[in-house]
Amino acid sequence: MAQNELSSLRWIRRCADHACVEVALYREAVLMRDSKDNDGPMLTFTLEQWTAFRAGVRAGEFDRG
């Protein structure tokens, strides 16, 4: 993906416990990056994977025990 494509995306910041990520919709995928490193690596999720990930977060699957 070209840098100009990345800069034209609408990035949404999400934070928890002072740790933030940014997410954006790109075609049929959801991109996630570290909010402090916009030029760093990104994770790419299909819409199905993203939906499952969000459901897991809501269900507490990633809570520290």
Protein backbone atom coordinates (compact mmCIF):
# COMPACT_ATOMS: atom_id res chain seq x y z
CA MET A 1 0.00 0.00 0.00
CA ALA A 2 1.38 3.39 -0.98
CA GLN A 3 2.05 6.07 1.64
CA ASN A 4 -0.47 8.44 0.01
CA GLU A 5 -3.17 5.75 0.42
CA LEU A 6 -2.36 5.45 4.12
CA SER A 7 -2.50 9.18 4.71
CA SER A 8 -5.89 9.44 3.01
CA LEU A 9 -7.50 6.84 5.32
CA ARG A 10 -9.73 7.89 8.21
CA TRP A 11 -7.86 6.61 11.26
CA ILE A 12 -9.78 6.25 14.53
CA ARG A 13 -7.87 6.20 17.82
CA ARG A 14 -8.83 3.74 20.57
CA CYS A 15 -7.15 3.84 23.98
CA ALA A 16 -7.16 1.72 27.14
CA ASP A 17 -4.89 2.21 30.16
CA HIS A 18 -2.88 4.91 28.32
CA ALA A 19 -2.08 2.54 25.43
CA CYS A 20 -3.52 3.62 22.09
CA VAL A 21 -3.93 2.08 18.67
CA GLU A 22 -5.46 3.48 15.51
CA VAL A 23 -7.76 1.56 13.18
CA ALA A 24 -8.93 2.27 9.65
CA LEU A 25 -11.11 0.55 7.10
CA TYR A 26 -9.29 -0.17 3.83
CA ARG A 27 -11.25 -1.92 1.10
CA GLU A 28 -12.42 -5.18 2.71
CA ALA A 29 -9.93 -5.07 5.58
CA VAL A 30 -9.35 -3.37 8.91
CA LEU A 31 -5.87 -1.99 9.55
CA MET A 32 -4.43 -1.44 13.02
CA ARG A 33 -1.29 0.47 13.97
CA ASP A 34 0.45 1.90 17.03
CA SER A 35 -0.72 5.49 17.49
CA LYS A 36 2.84 6.57 18.39
CA ASP A 37 4.39 4.99 15.27
CA ASN A 38 2.30 5.89 12.22
CA ASP A 39 5.01 4.66 9.85
CA GLY A 40 5.59 1.40 11.71
CA PRO A 41 4.12 -2.03 11.06
CA MET A 42 0.38 -2.59 10.80
CA LEU A 43 -1.84 -5.54 11.50
CA THR A 44 -4.39 -6.43 8.83
CA PHE A 45 -7.65 -8.17 9.65
CA THR A 46 -10.42 -9.40 7.40
CA LEU A 47 -13.83 -8.06 8.38
CA GLU A 48 -14.68 -11.51 9.76
CA GLN A 49 -11.51 -11.60 11.88
CA TRP A 50 -12.14 -8.08 13.15
CA THR A 51 -15.70 -8.95 14.15
CA ALA A 52 -14.46 -12.03 16.03
CA PHE A 53 -11.70 -10.00 17.73
CA ARG A 54 -14.17 -7.33 18.90
CA ALA A 55 -16.54 -10.01 20.20
CA GLY A 56 -13.65 -11.52 22.18
CA VAL A 57 -12.78 -8.15 23.69
CA ARG A 58 -16.38 -7.60 24.73
CA ALA A 59 -16.55 -11.10 26.25
CA GLY A 60 -13.41 -10.46 28.32
CA GLU A 61 -11.27 -13.07 26.56
CA PHE A 62 -8.21 -10.79 26.76
CA ASP A 63 -8.67 -9.53 30.32
CA ARG A 64 -5.79 -10.09 32.66
CA GLY A 65 -6.75 -12.55 35.35
